[in-house]
PDB file of N, CA and C in Angstrom:
ATOM      1  N   MET A   1       0.822  -1.200   0.000  1.00  0.00           N
ATOM      2  CA  MET A   1       0.000   0.000   0.000  1.00  0.00           C
ATOM      3  C   MET A   1       0.866   1.265   0.000  1.00  0.00           C
ATOM      4  N   ARG A   2       1.924   1.233   0.840  1.00  0.00           N
ATOM      5  CA  ARG A   2       2.821   2.391   0.928  1.00  0.00           C
ATOM      6  C   ARG A   2       3.482   2.661  -0.420  1.00  0.00           C
ATOM      7  N   ASN A   3       3.929   1.615  -1.102  1.00  0.00           N
ATOM      8  CA  ASN A   3       4.562   1.779  -2.415  1.00  0.00           C
ATOM      9  C   ASN A   3       3.580   2.343  -3.424  1.00  0.00           C
ATOM     10  N   HIS A   4       2.335   1.917  -3.329  1.00  0.00           N
ATOM     11  CA  HIS A   4       1.293   2.417  -4.234  1.00  0.00           C
ATOM     12  C   HIS A   4       1.090   3.924  -4.026  1.00  0.00           C
ATOM     13  N   LEU A   5       1.048   4.370  -2.777  1.00  0.00           N
ATOM     14  CA  LEU A   5       0.889   5.786  -2.469  1.00  0.00           C
ATOM     15  C   LEU A   5       2.106   6.587  -2.929  1.00  0.00           C
ATOM     16  N   LEU A   6       3.298   6.031  -2.770  1.00  0.00           N
ATOM     17  CA  LEU A   6       4.499   6.714  -3.231  1.00  0.00           C
ATOM     18  C   LEU A   6       4.496   6.858  -4.751  1.00  0.00           C
ATOM     19  N   ALA A   7       4.042   5.838  -5.445  1.00  0.00           N
ATOM     20  CA  ALA A   7       3.971   5.890  -6.910  1.00  0.00           C
ATOM     21  C   ALA A   7       2.983   6.958  -7.356  1.00  0.00           C
ATOM     22  N   ILE A   8       1.848   7.048  -6.699  1.00  0.00           N
ATOM     23  CA  ILE A   8       0.844   8.062  -7.045  1.00  0.00           C
ATOM     24  C   ILE A   8       1.414   9.453  -6.781  1.00  0.00           C
ATOM     25  N   ALA A   9       2.092   9.630  -5.662  1.00  0.00           N
ATOM     26  CA  ALA A   9       2.686  10.934  -5.344  1.00  0.00           C
ATOM     27  C   ALA A   9       3.727  11.323  -6.386  1.00  0.00           C
ATOM     28  N   ALA A  10       4.530  10.360  -6.837  1.00  0.00           N
ATOM     29  CA  ALA A  10       5.545  10.647  -7.853  1.00  0.00           C
ATOM     30  C   ALA A  10       4.908  11.070  -9.168  1.00  0.00           C
ATOM     31  N   VAL A  11       3.842  10.391  -9.557  1.00  0.00           N
ATOM     32  CA  VAL A  11       3.148  10.737 -10.800  1.00  0.00           C
ATOM     33  C   VAL A  11       2.535  12.127 -10.691  1.00  0.00           C
ATOM     34  N   MET A  12       1.909  12.439  -9.570  1.00  0.00           N
ATOM     35  CA  MET A  12       1.276  13.751  -9.383  1.00  0.00           C
ATOM     36  C   MET A  12       2.328  14.858  -9.423  1.00  0.00           C
ATOM     37  N   THR A  13       3.493  14.640  -8.817  1.00  0.00           N
ATOM     38  CA  THR A  13       4.555  15.640  -8.830  1.00  0.00           C
ATOM     39  C   THR A  13       5.044  15.874 -10.253  1.00  0.00           C
ATOM     40  N   THR A  14       5.235  14.814 -10.997  1.00  0.00           N
ATOM     41  CA  THR A  14       5.700  14.917 -12.378  1.00  0.00           C
ATOM     42  C   THR A  14       4.686  15.642 -13.243  1.00  0.00           C
ATOM     43  N   MET A  15       3.416  15.357 -13.052  1.00  0.00           N
ATOM     44  CA  MET A  15       2.372  15.980 -13.871  1.00  0.00           C
ATOM     45  C   MET A  15       2.219  17.458 -13.561  1.00  0.00           C
ATOM     46  N   SER A  16       2.454  17.878 -12.331  1.00  0.00           N
ATOM     47  CA  SER A  16       2.252  19.279 -11.976  1.00  0.00           C
ATOM     48  C   SER A  16       3.472  20.139 -12.261  1.00  0.00           C
ATOM     49  N   ALA A  17       4.637  19.564 -12.461  1.00  0.00           N
ATOM     50  CA  ALA A  17       5.853  20.348 -12.677  1.00  0.00           C
ATOM     51  C   ALA A  17       5.784  21.247 -13.898  1.00  0.00           C
ATOM     52  N   PRO A  18       5.345  20.760 -15.089  1.00  0.00           N
ATOM     53  CA  PRO A  18       5.298  21.671 -16.237  1.00  0.00           C
ATOM     54  C   PRO A  18       4.361  22.845 -16.029  1.00  0.00           C
ATOM     55  N   ALA A  19       3.246  22.637 -15.370  1.00  0.00           N
ATOM     56  CA  ALA A  19       2.295  23.727 -15.141  1.00  0.00           C
ATOM     57  C   ALA A  19       2.914  24.791 -14.243  1.00  0.00           C
ATOM     58  N   ALA A  20       3.645  24.350 -13.223  1.00  0.00           N
ATOM     59  CA  ALA A  20       4.274  25.317 -12.327  1.00  0.00           C
ATOM     60  C   ALA A  20       5.343  26.097 -13.068  1.00  0.00           C
ATOM     61  N   GLN A  21       6.108  25.429 -13.918  1.00  0.00           N
ATOM     62  CA  GLN A  21       7.145  26.112 -14.660  1.00  0.00           C
ATOM     63  C   GLN A  21       6.561  27.099 -15.652  1.00  0.00           C
ATOM     64  N   ALA A  22       5.437  26.802 -16.244  1.00  0.00           N
ATOM     65  CA  ALA A  22       4.839  27.672 -17.258  1.00  0.00           C
ATOM     66  C   ALA A  22       4.354  28.979 -16.674  1.00  0.00           C
ATOM     67  N   GLN A  23       4.154  29.048 -15.365  1.00  0.00           N
ATOM     68  CA  GLN A  23       3.643  30.261 -14.765  1.00  0.00           C
ATOM     69  C   GLN A  23       4.730  31.295 -14.507  1.00  0.00           C
ATOM     70  N   ASN A  24       5.978  30.914 -14.623  1.00  0.00           N
ATOM     71  CA  ASN A  24       7.073  31.844 -14.365  1.00  0.00           C
ATOM     72  C   ASN A  24       7.523  32.497 -15.663  1.00  0.00           C
ATOM     73  N   THR A  25       7.887  33.766 -15.584  1.00  0.00           N
ATOM     74  CA  THR A  25       8.451  34.470 -16.722  1.00  0.00           C
ATOM     75  C   THR A  25       9.965  34.412 -16.589  1.00  0.00           C
ATOM     76  N   VAL A  26      10.633  33.978 -17.632  1.00  0.00           N
ATOM     77  CA  VAL A  26      12.078  33.878 -17.617  1.00  0.00           C
ATOM     78  C   VAL A  26      12.641  34.976 -18.489  1.00  0.00           C
ATOM     79  N   GLY A  27      13.581  35.760 -17.972  1.00  0.00           N
ATOM     80  CA  GLY A  27      14.191  36.836 -18.744  1.00  0.00           C
ATOM     81  C   GLY A  27      15.138  36.274 -19.792  1.00  0.00           C
ATOM     82  N   VAL A  28      14.730  36.291 -21.037  1.00  0.00           N
ATOM     83  CA  VAL A  28      15.563  35.802 -22.132  1.00  0.00           C
ATOM     84  C   VAL A  28      15.507  36.806 -23.267  1.00  0.00           C
ATOM     85  N   ALA A  29      16.491  36.742 -24.130  1.00  0.00           N
ATOM     86  CA  ALA A  29      16.462  37.584 -25.323  1.00  0.00           C
ATOM     87  C   ALA A  29      15.476  36.989 -26.306  1.00  0.00           C
ATOM     88  N   GLY A  30      14.744  37.815 -26.977  1.00  0.00           N
ATOM     89  CA  GLY A  30      13.763  37.328 -27.942  1.00  0.00           C
ATOM     90  C   GLY A  30      12.393  37.278 -27.330  1.00  0.00           C
ATOM     91  N   PRO A  31      11.515  36.426 -27.869  1.00  0.00           N
ATOM     92  CA  PRO A  31      10.146  36.375 -27.358  1.00  0.00           C
ATOM     93  C   PRO A  31      10.114  35.985 -25.886  1.00  0.00           C
ATOM     94  N   VAL A  32       9.179  36.546 -25.164  1.00  0.00           N
ATOM     95  CA  VAL A  32       9.017  36.251 -23.752  1.00  0.00           C
ATOM     96  C   VAL A  32       7.614  35.724 -23.539  1.00  0.00           C
ATOM     97  N   ILE A  33       7.495  34.591 -22.869  1.00  0.00           N
ATOM     98  CA  ILE A  33       6.195  34.007 -22.590  1.00  0.00           C
ATOM     99  C   ILE A  33       5.724  34.534 -21.245  1.00  0.00           C
ATOM    100  N   VAL A  34       4.564  35.196 -21.226  1.00  0.00           N
ATOM    101  CA  VAL A  34       4.022  35.720 -19.977  1.00  0.00           C
ATOM    102  C   VAL A  34       3.116  34.675 -19.349  1.00  0.00           C
ATOM    103  N   ASP A  35       2.565  34.969 -18.184  1.00  0.00           N
ATOM    104  CA  ASP A  35       1.853  33.999 -17.369  1.00  0.00           C
ATOM    105  C   ASP A  35       0.789  33.197 -18.111  1.00  0.00           C
ATOM    106  N   ASP A  36       0.043  33.823 -19.006  1.00  0.00           N
ATOM    107  CA  ASP A  36      -1.029  33.082 -19.665  1.00  0.00           C
ATOM    108  C   ASP A  36      -0.568  32.431 -20.968  1.00  0.00           C
ATOM    109  N   GLY A  37       0.750  32.387 -21.208  1.00  0.00           N
ATOM    110  CA  GLY A  37       1.275  31.731 -22.393  1.00  0.00           C
ATOM    111  C   GLY A  37       1.407  32.629 -23.602  1.00  0.00           C
ATOM    112  N   THR A  38       1.069  33.902 -23.482  1.00  0.00           N
ATOM    113  CA  THR A  38       1.185  34.819 -24.609  1.00  0.00           C
ATOM    114  C   THR A  38       2.590  35.401 -24.669  1.00  0.00           C
ATOM    115  N   VAL A  39       2.951  35.929 -25.788  1.00  0.00           N
ATOM    116  CA  VAL A  39       4.250  36.553 -25.956  1.00  0.00           C
ATOM    117  C   VAL A  39       4.109  38.027 -25.615  1.00  0.00           C
ATOM    118  N   GLY A  40       4.876  38.501 -24.648  1.00  0.00           N
ATOM    119  CA  GLY A  40       4.720  39.875 -24.207  1.00  0.00           C
ATOM    120  C   GLY A  40       6.033  40.553 -23.889  1.00  0.00           C
ATOM    121  N   ILE A  41       5.966  41.635 -23.137  1.00  0.00           N
ATOM    122  CA  ILE A  41       7.132  42.423 -22.735  1.00  0.00           C
ATOM    123  C   ILE A  41       7.689  41.838 -21.438  1.00  0.00           C
ATOM    124  N   ALA A  42       8.982  41.527 -21.427  1.00  0.00           N
ATOM    125  CA  ALA A  42       9.627  40.948 -20.252  1.00  0.00           C
ATOM    126  C   ALA A  42       9.597  41.928 -19.085  1.00  0.00           C
ATOM    127  N   LEU A  43       9.559  41.396 -17.892  1.00  0.00           N
ATOM    128  CA  LEU A  43       9.499  42.204 -16.680  1.00  0.00           C
ATOM    129  C   LEU A  43      10.645  43.205 -16.615  1.00  0.00           C
ATOM    130  N   ASP A  44      11.856  42.776 -16.957  1.00  0.00           N
ATOM    131  CA  ASP A  44      13.003  43.683 -16.869  1.00  0.00           C
ATOM    132  C   ASP A  44      13.022  44.727 -17.982  1.00  0.00           C
ATOM    133  N   GLN A  45      12.216  44.557 -19.024  1.00  0.00           N
ATOM    134  CA  GLN A  45      12.159  45.537 -20.107  1.00  0.00           C
ATOM    135  C   GLN A  45      11.004  46.533 -19.951  1.00  0.00           C
ATOM    136  N   ARG A  46      10.135  46.309 -18.991  1.00  0.00           N
ATOM    137  CA  ARG A  46       8.960  47.165 -18.847  1.00  0.00           C
ATOM    138  C   ARG A  46       9.290  48.622 -18.534  1.00  0.00           C
ATOM    139  N   PRO A  47      10.245  48.926 -17.650  1.00  0.00           N
ATOM    140  CA  PRO A  47      10.569  50.349 -17.430  1.00  0.00           C
ATOM    141  C   PRO A  47      11.041  51.041 -18.719  1.00  0.00           C
ATOM    142  N   ALA A  48      11.889  50.373 -19.487  1.00  0.00           N
ATOM    143  CA  ALA A  48      12.367  50.952 -20.752  1.00  0.00           C
ATOM    144  C   ALA A  48      11.222  51.098 -21.742  1.00  0.00           C
ATOM    145  N   PHE A  49      10.294  50.134 -21.747  1.00  0.00           N
ATOM    146  CA  PHE A  49       9.143  50.211 -22.654  1.00  0.00           C
ATOM    147  C   PHE A  49       8.253  51.391 -22.289  1.00  0.00           C
ATOM    148  N   ARG A  50       8.002  51.582 -20.993  1.00  0.00           N
ATOM    149  CA  ARG A  50       7.197  52.730 -20.553  1.00  0.00           C
ATOM    150  C   ARG A  50       7.894  54.047 -20.911  1.00  0.00           C
ATOM    151  N   ALA A  51       9.229  54.090 -20.766  1.00  0.00           N
ATOM    152  CA  ALA A  51       9.984  55.297 -21.137  1.00  0.00           C
ATOM    153  C   ALA A  51       9.873  55.549 -22.642  1.00  0.00           C
ATOM    154  N   TYR A  52       9.914  54.492 -23.430  1.00  0.00           N
ATOM    155  CA  TYR A  52       9.755  54.611 -24.883  1.00  0.00           C
ATOM    156  C   TYR A  52       8.396  55.225 -25.222  1.00  0.00           C
ATOM    157  N   ILE A  53       7.358  54.757 -24.571  1.00  0.00           N
ATOM    158  CA  ILE A  53       6.004  55.257 -24.829  1.00  0.00           C
ATOM    159  C   ILE A  53       5.900  56.730 -24.434  1.00  0.00           C
ATOM    160  N   ALA A  54       6.535  57.106 -23.332  1.00  0.00           N
ATOM    161  CA  ALA A  54       6.531  58.516 -22.911  1.00  0.00           C
ATOM    162  C   ALA A  54       7.270  59.380 -23.943  1.00  0.00           C
ATOM    163  N   ARG A  55       8.414  58.896 -24.435  1.00  0.00           N
ATOM    164  CA  ARG A  55       9.173  59.643 -25.453  1.00  0.00           C
ATOM    165  C   ARG A  55       8.372  59.804 -26.735  1.00  0.00           C
ATOM    166  N   GLU A  56       7.636  58.763 -27.105  1.00  0.00           N
ATOM    167  CA  GLU A  56       6.839  58.787 -28.330  1.00  0.00           C
ATOM    168  C   GLU A  56       5.543  59.592 -28.163  1.00  0.00           C
ATOM    169  N   ARG A  57       5.249  59.954 -26.922  1.00  0.00           N
ATOM    170  CA  ARG A  57       4.023  60.707 -26.604  1.00  0.00           C
ATOM    171  C   ARG A  57       2.775  60.006 -27.139  1.00  0.00           C
ATOM    172  N   VAL A  58       2.689  58.726 -26.825  1.00  0.00           N
ATOM    173  CA  VAL A  58       1.532  57.940 -27.237  1.00  0.00           C
ATOM    174  C   VAL A  58       0.324  58.430 -26.454  1.00  0.00           C
ATOM    175  N   PRO A  59      -0.745  58.801 -27.151  1.00  0.00           N
ATOM    176  CA  PRO A  59      -1.926  59.303 -26.430  1.00  0.00           C
ATOM    177  C   PRO A  59      -2.621  58.181 -25.656  1.00  0.00           C
ATOM    178  N   SER A  60      -3.276  58.571 -24.583  1.00  0.00           N
ATOM    179  CA  SER A  60      -4.076  57.622 -23.814  1.00  0.00           C
ATOM    180  C   SER A  60      -5.523  57.756 -24.268  1.00  0.00           C
ATOM    181  N   TYR A  61      -6.055  56.662 -24.745  1.00  0.00           N
ATOM    182  CA  TYR A  61      -7.449  56.635 -25.184  1.00  0.00           C
ATOM    183  C   TYR A  61      -8.332  56.288 -23.995  1.00  0.00           C
ATOM    184  N   THR A  62      -9.534  56.805 -23.990  1.00  0.00           N
ATOM    185  CA  THR A  62     -10.468  56.544 -22.906  1.00  0.00           C
ATOM    186  C   THR A  62     -11.608  55.671 -23.417  1.00  0.00           C
ATOM    187  N   ILE A  63     -11.844  54.588 -22.690  1.00  0.00           N
ATOM    188  CA  ILE A  63     -12.988  53.716 -23.003  1.00  0.00           C
ATOM    189  C   ILE A  63     -13.777  53.523 -21.713  1.00  0.00           C
ATOM    190  N   PRO A  64     -15.072  53.204 -21.824  1.00  0.00           N
ATOM    191  CA  PRO A  64     -15.876  53.058 -20.618  1.00  0.00           C
ATOM    192  C   PRO A  64     -15.604  51.764 -19.851  1.00  0.00           C
ATOM    193  N   ASP A  65     -15.015  50.766 -20.507  1.00  0.00           N
ATOM    194  CA  ASP A  65     -14.774  49.470 -19.863  1.00  0.00           C
ATOM    195  C   ASP A  65     -13.481  49.483 -19.074  1.00  0.00           C
ATOM    196  N   ARG A  66     -13.372  48.527 -18.130  1.00  0.00           N
ATOM    197  CA  ARG A  66     -12.121  48.357 -17.388  1.00  0.00           C
ATOM    198  C   ARG A  66     -11.068  47.759 -18.310  1.00  0.00           C
ATOM    199  N   VAL A  67      -9.823  48.087 -18.076  1.00  0.00           N
ATOM    200  CA  VAL A  67      -8.718  47.536 -18.851  1.00  0.00           C
ATOM    201  C   VAL A  67      -8.227  46.283 -18.134  1.00  0.00           C
ATOM    202  N   VAL A  68      -8.576  45.113 -18.674  1.00  0.00           N
ATOM    203  CA  VAL A  68      -8.185  43.834 -18.085  1.00  0.00           C
ATOM    204  C   VAL A  68      -7.784  42.870 -19.197  1.00  0.00           C
ATOM    205  N   VAL A  69      -6.882  41.952 -18.857  1.00  0.00           N
ATOM    206  CA  VAL A  69      -6.501  40.921 -19.813  1.00  0.00           C
ATOM    207  C   VAL A  69      -7.754  40.143 -20.206  1.00  0.00           C
ATOM    208  N   GLY A  70      -7.929  39.965 -21.506  1.00  0.00           N
ATOM    209  CA  GLY A  70      -9.107  39.286 -22.030  1.00  0.00           C
ATOM    210  C   GLY A  70     -10.171  40.243 -22.524  1.00  0.00           C
ATOM    211  N   GLY A  71     -10.089  41.510 -22.096  1.00  0.00           N
ATOM    212  CA  GLY A  71     -11.035  42.515 -22.568  1.00  0.00           C
ATOM    213  C   GLY A  71     -10.814  42.806 -24.043  1.00  0.00           C
ATOM    214  N   ILE A  72     -11.836  43.312 -24.693  1.00  0.00           N
ATOM    215  CA  ILE A  72     -11.765  43.619 -26.123  1.00  0.00           C
ATOM    216  C   ILE A  72     -11.856  45.131 -26.312  1.00  0.00           C
ATOM    217  N   LEU A  73     -10.920  45.678 -27.091  1.00  0.00           N
ATOM    218  CA  LEU A  73     -10.957  47.110 -27.399  1.00  0.00           C
ATOM    219  C   LEU A  73     -11.985  47.377 -28.489  1.00  0.00           C
ATOM    220  N   PRO A  74     -12.586  48.555 -28.477  1.00  0.00           N
ATOM    221  CA  PRO A  74     -13.545  48.892 -29.543  1.00  0.00           C
ATOM    222  C   PRO A  74     -12.857  48.921 -30.909  1.00  0.00           C
ATOM    223  N   GLU A  75     -13.624  48.653 -31.960  1.00  0.00           N
ATOM    224  CA  GLU A  75     -13.102  48.636 -33.328  1.00  0.00           C
ATOM    225  C   GLU A  75     -12.600  50.011 -33.770  1.00  0.00           C
ATOM    226  N   SER A  76     -13.226  51.052 -33.286  1.00  0.00           N
ATOM    227  CA  SER A  76     -12.804  52.403 -33.679  1.00  0.00           C
ATOM    228  C   SER A  76     -12.503  53.218 -32.430  1.00  0.00           C
ATOM    229  N   GLY A  77     -11.697  54.250 -32.624  1.00  0.00           N
ATOM    230  CA  GLY A  77     -11.420  55.171 -31.533  1.00  0.00           C
ATOM    231  C   GLY A  77     -10.162  54.865 -30.749  1.00  0.00           C
ATOM    232  N   VAL A  78      -9.520  53.707 -30.995  1.00  0.00           N
ATOM    233  CA  VAL A  78      -8.287  53.355 -30.301  1.00  0.00           C
ATOM    234  C   VAL A  78      -7.282  52.895 -31.350  1.00  0.00           C
ATOM    235  N   THR A  79      -6.163  53.612 -31.439  1.00  0.00           N
ATOM    236  CA  THR A  79      -5.108  53.250 -32.381  1.00  0.00           C
ATOM    237  C   THR A  79      -4.116  52.331 -31.699  1.00  0.00           C
ATOM    238  N   ILE A  80      -3.710  51.264 -32.406  1.00  0.00           N
ATOM    239  CA  ILE A  80      -2.691  50.360 -31.873  1.00  0.00           C
ATOM    240  C   ILE A  80      -1.421  50.502 -32.710  1.00  0.00           C
ATOM    241  N   TYR A  81      -0.278  50.299 -32.055  1.00  0.00           N
ATOM    242  CA  TYR A  81       1.025  50.560 -32.661  1.00  0.00           C
ATOM    243  C   TYR A  81       1.903  49.311 -32.618  1.00  0.00           C
ATOM    244  N   ASP A  82       2.864  49.217 -33.555  1.00  0.00           N
ATOM    245  CA  ASP A  82       3.833  48.123 -33.559  1.00  0.00           C
ATOM    246  C   ASP A  82       4.780  48.251 -32.377  1.00  0.00           C
ATOM    247  N   VAL A  83       5.138  47.113 -31.790  1.00  0.00           N
ATOM    248  CA  VAL A  83       6.141  47.075 -30.725  1.00  0.00           C
ATOM    249  C   VAL A  83       7.511  47.063 -31.394  1.00  0.00           C
ATOM    250  N   PRO A  84       8.418  47.968 -31.000  1.00  0.00           N
ATOM    251  CA  PRO A  84       9.760  47.979 -31.601  1.00  0.00           C
ATOM    252  C   PRO A  84      10.489  46.648 -31.367  1.00  0.00           C
ATOM    253  N   GLN A  85      11.272  46.209 -32.334  1.00  0.00           N
ATOM    254  CA  GLN A  85      12.018  44.950 -32.241  1.00  0.00           C
ATOM    255  C   GLN A  85      12.956  44.915 -31.037  1.00  0.00           C
ATOM    256  N   SER A  86      13.397  46.069 -30.576  1.00  0.00           N
ATOM    257  CA  SER A  86      14.317  46.104 -29.433  1.00  0.00           C
ATOM    258  C   SER A  86      13.688  45.538 -28.160  1.00  0.00           C
ATOM    259  N   PHE A  87      12.369  45.391 -28.139  1.00  0.00           N
ATOM    260  CA  PHE A  87      11.686  44.829 -26.972  1.00  0.00           C
ATOM    261  C   PHE A  87      11.312  43.367 -27.179  1.00  0.00           C
ATOM    262  N   GLY A  88      11.850  42.732 -28.198  1.00  0.00           N
ATOM    263  CA  GLY A  88      11.597  41.321 -28.446  1.00  0.00           C
ATOM    264  C   GLY A  88      10.553  41.129 -29.528  1.00  0.00           C
ATOM    265  N   ALA A  89      10.620  39.973 -30.151  1.00  0.00           N
ATOM    266  CA  ALA A  89       9.669  39.642 -31.214  1.00  0.00           C
ATOM    267  C   ALA A  89       8.324  39.305 -30.584  1.00  0.00           C
ATOM    268  N   THR A  90       7.283  39.942 -31.068  1.00  0.00           N
ATOM    269  CA  THR A  90       5.939  39.673 -30.562  1.00  0.00           C
ATOM    270  C   THR A  90       4.936  39.887 -31.683  1.00  0.00           C
ATOM    271  N   PRO A  91       3.906  39.058 -31.738  1.00  0.00           N
ATOM    272  CA  PRO A  91       2.872  39.254 -32.746  1.00  0.00           C
ATOM    273  C   PRO A  91       1.863  40.331 -32.345  1.00  0.00           C
ATOM    274  N   TYR A  92       2.038  40.898 -31.153  1.00  0.00           N
ATOM    275  CA  TYR A  92       1.066  41.839 -30.622  1.00  0.00           C
ATOM    276  C   TYR A  92       1.438  43.281 -30.915  1.00  0.00           C
ATOM    277  N   ARG A  93       0.477  44.173 -30.692  1.00  0.00           N
ATOM    278  CA  ARG A  93       0.671  45.614 -30.828  1.00  0.00           C
ATOM    279  C   ARG A  93       0.418  46.219 -29.449  1.00  0.00           C
ATOM    280  N   TYR A  94       0.731  47.502 -29.313  1.00  0.00           N
ATOM    281  CA  TYR A  94       0.509  48.156 -28.019  1.00  0.00           C
ATOM    282  C   TYR A  94      -0.311  49.417 -28.201  1.00  0.00           C
ATOM    283  N   THR A  95      -0.864  49.874 -27.101  1.00  0.00           N
ATOM    284  CA  THR A  95      -1.542  51.162 -27.034  1.00  0.00           C
ATOM    285  C   THR A  95      -1.645  51.545 -25.565  1.00  0.00           C
ATOM    286  N   VAL A  96      -2.171  52.731 -25.318  1.00  0.00           N
ATOM    287  CA  VAL A  96      -2.410  53.180 -23.954  1.00  0.00           C
ATOM    288  C   VAL A  96      -3.902  53.485 -23.850  1.00  0.00           C
ATOM    289  N   VAL A  97      -4.563  52.834 -22.896  1.00  0.00           N
ATOM    290  CA  VAL A  97      -5.999  52.997 -22.708  1.00  0.00           C
ATOM    291  C   VAL A  97      -6.269  53.233 -21.226  1.00  0.00           C
ATOM    292  N   ASN A  98      -7.028  54.281 -20.951  1.00  0.00           N
ATOM    293  CA  ASN A  98      -7.362  54.641 -19.564  1.00  0.00           C
ATOM    294  C   ASN A  98      -6.093  54.747 -18.702  1.00  0.00           C
ATOM    295  N   GLY A  99      -5.016  55.251 -19.310  1.00  0.00           N
ATOM    296  CA  GLY A  99      -3.758  55.427 -18.593  1.00  0.00           C
ATOM    297  C   GLY A  99      -2.933  54.164 -18.439  1.00  0.00           C
ATOM    298  N   GLU A 100      -3.396  53.037 -18.954  1.00  0.00           N
ATOM    299  CA  GLU A 100      -2.695  51.753 -18.836  1.00  0.00           C
ATOM    300  C   GLU A 100      -2.057  51.391 -20.172  1.00  0.00           C
ATOM    301  N   THR A 101      -0.778  51.018 -20.139  1.00  0.00           N
ATOM    302  CA  THR A 101      -0.110  50.522 -21.343  1.00  0.00           C
ATOM    303  C   THR A 101      -0.454  49.050 -21.494  1.00  0.00           C
ATOM    304  N   ILE A 102      -0.901  48.671 -22.691  1.00  0.00           N
ATOM    305  CA  ILE A 102      -1.358  47.301 -22.902  1.00  0.00           C
ATOM    306  C   ILE A 102      -0.828  46.736 -24.208  1.00  0.00           C
ATOM    307  N   LEU A 103      -0.752  45.403 -24.258  1.00  0.00           N
ATOM    308  CA  LEU A 103      -0.495  44.694 -25.507  1.00  0.00           C
ATOM    309  C   LEU A 103      -1.819  44.122 -25.985  1.00  0.00           C
ATOM    310  N   VAL A 104      -2.000  44.167 -27.307  1.00  0.00           N
ATOM    311  CA  VAL A 104      -3.276  43.792 -27.910  1.00  0.00           C
ATOM    312  C   VAL A 104      -3.038  42.828 -29.065  1.00  0.00           C
ATOM    313  N   GLU A 105      -3.873  41.812 -29.181  1.00  0.00           N
ATOM    314  CA  GLU A 105      -3.858  40.939 -30.349  1.00  0.00           C
ATOM    315  C   GLU A 105      -4.543  41.738 -31.452  1.00  0.00           C
ATOM    316  N   PRO A 106      -3.837  42.052 -32.563  1.00  0.00           N
ATOM    317  CA  PRO A 106      -4.377  43.017 -33.525  1.00  0.00           C
ATOM    318  C   PRO A 106      -5.667  42.608 -34.228  1.00  0.00           C
ATOM    319  N   ARG A 107      -5.857  41.345 -34.536  1.00  0.00           N
ATOM    320  CA  ARG A 107      -7.078  40.939 -35.258  1.00  0.00           C
ATOM    321  C   ARG A 107      -8.323  41.008 -34.389  1.00  0.00           C
ATOM    322  N   SER A 108      -8.215  40.443 -33.198  1.00  0.00           N
ATOM    323  CA  SER A 108      -9.399  40.413 -32.324  1.00  0.00           C
ATOM    324  C   SER A 108      -9.494  41.649 -31.431  1.00  0.00           C
ATOM    325  N   ARG A 109      -8.374  42.386 -31.300  1.00  0.00           N
ATOM    326  CA  ARG A 109      -8.274  43.543 -30.416  1.00  0.00           C
ATOM    327  C   ARG A 109      -8.431  43.154 -28.944  1.00  0.00           C
ATOM    328  N   ARG A 110      -8.108  41.890 -28.648  1.00  0.00           N
ATOM    329  CA  ARG A 110      -8.166  41.371 -27.281  1.00  0.00           C
ATOM    330  C   ARG A 110      -6.912  41.800 -26.536  1.00  0.00           C
ATOM    331  N   ILE A 111      -7.076  42.273 -25.302  1.00  0.00           N
ATOM    332  CA  ILE A 111      -5.959  42.667 -24.450  1.00  0.00           C
ATOM    333  C   ILE A 111      -5.279  41.393 -23.952  1.00  0.00           C
ATOM    334  N   VAL A 112      -3.953  41.282 -24.211  1.00  0.00           N
ATOM    335  CA  VAL A 112      -3.221  40.083 -23.790  1.00  0.00           C
ATOM    336  C   VAL A 112      -2.257  40.357 -22.641  1.00  0.00           C
ATOM    337  N   GLN A 113      -1.910  41.632 -22.421  1.00  0.00           N
ATOM    338  CA  GLN A 113      -1.017  41.966 -21.313  1.00  0.00           C
ATOM    339  C   GLN A 113      -1.219  43.424 -20.917  1.00  0.00           C
ATOM    340  N   VAL A 114      -1.333  43.657 -19.613  1.00  0.00           N
ATOM    341  CA  VAL A 114      -1.323  45.016 -19.079  1.00  0.00           C
ATOM    342  C   VAL A 114       0.061  45.207 -18.499  1.00  0.00           C
ATOM    343  N   ILE A 115       0.795  46.182 -19.003  1.00  0.00           N
ATOM    344  CA  ILE A 115       2.187  46.394 -18.611  1.00  0.00           C
ATOM    345  C   ILE A 115       2.229  47.366 -17.452  1.00  0.00           C
ATOM    346  N   GLU A 116       2.631  46.859 -16.302  1.00  0.00           N
ATOM    347  CA  GLU A 116       2.652  47.667 -15.081  1.00  0.00           C
ATOM    348  C   GLU A 116       4.037  48.115 -14.754  1.00  0.00           C
TER     349      GLU A 116
END
């Protein structure tokens, strides 16, 4: 019985390890996988990214909805911009909405990352 319980515990540990690892962001050059598996801006690059947006004087658009990951931006009234290659390869675009810098999936306009 004890061996059976040890075997089950070993299997459960092995099965949960990849999920735990996927939740961490690793600082690497190139694409960065954020918590939900999307490609975003690395934690250590966020201050430089915010400084870039300030230098570019990107306007902040106002929408009535809360800015949250998974939210959808309106089709009109919000311009999205390309992320410079210096911040890593990403299929997403960025904008500033309600004072929050965000990454957006361009086709669906779904918010994939709020950059804090």
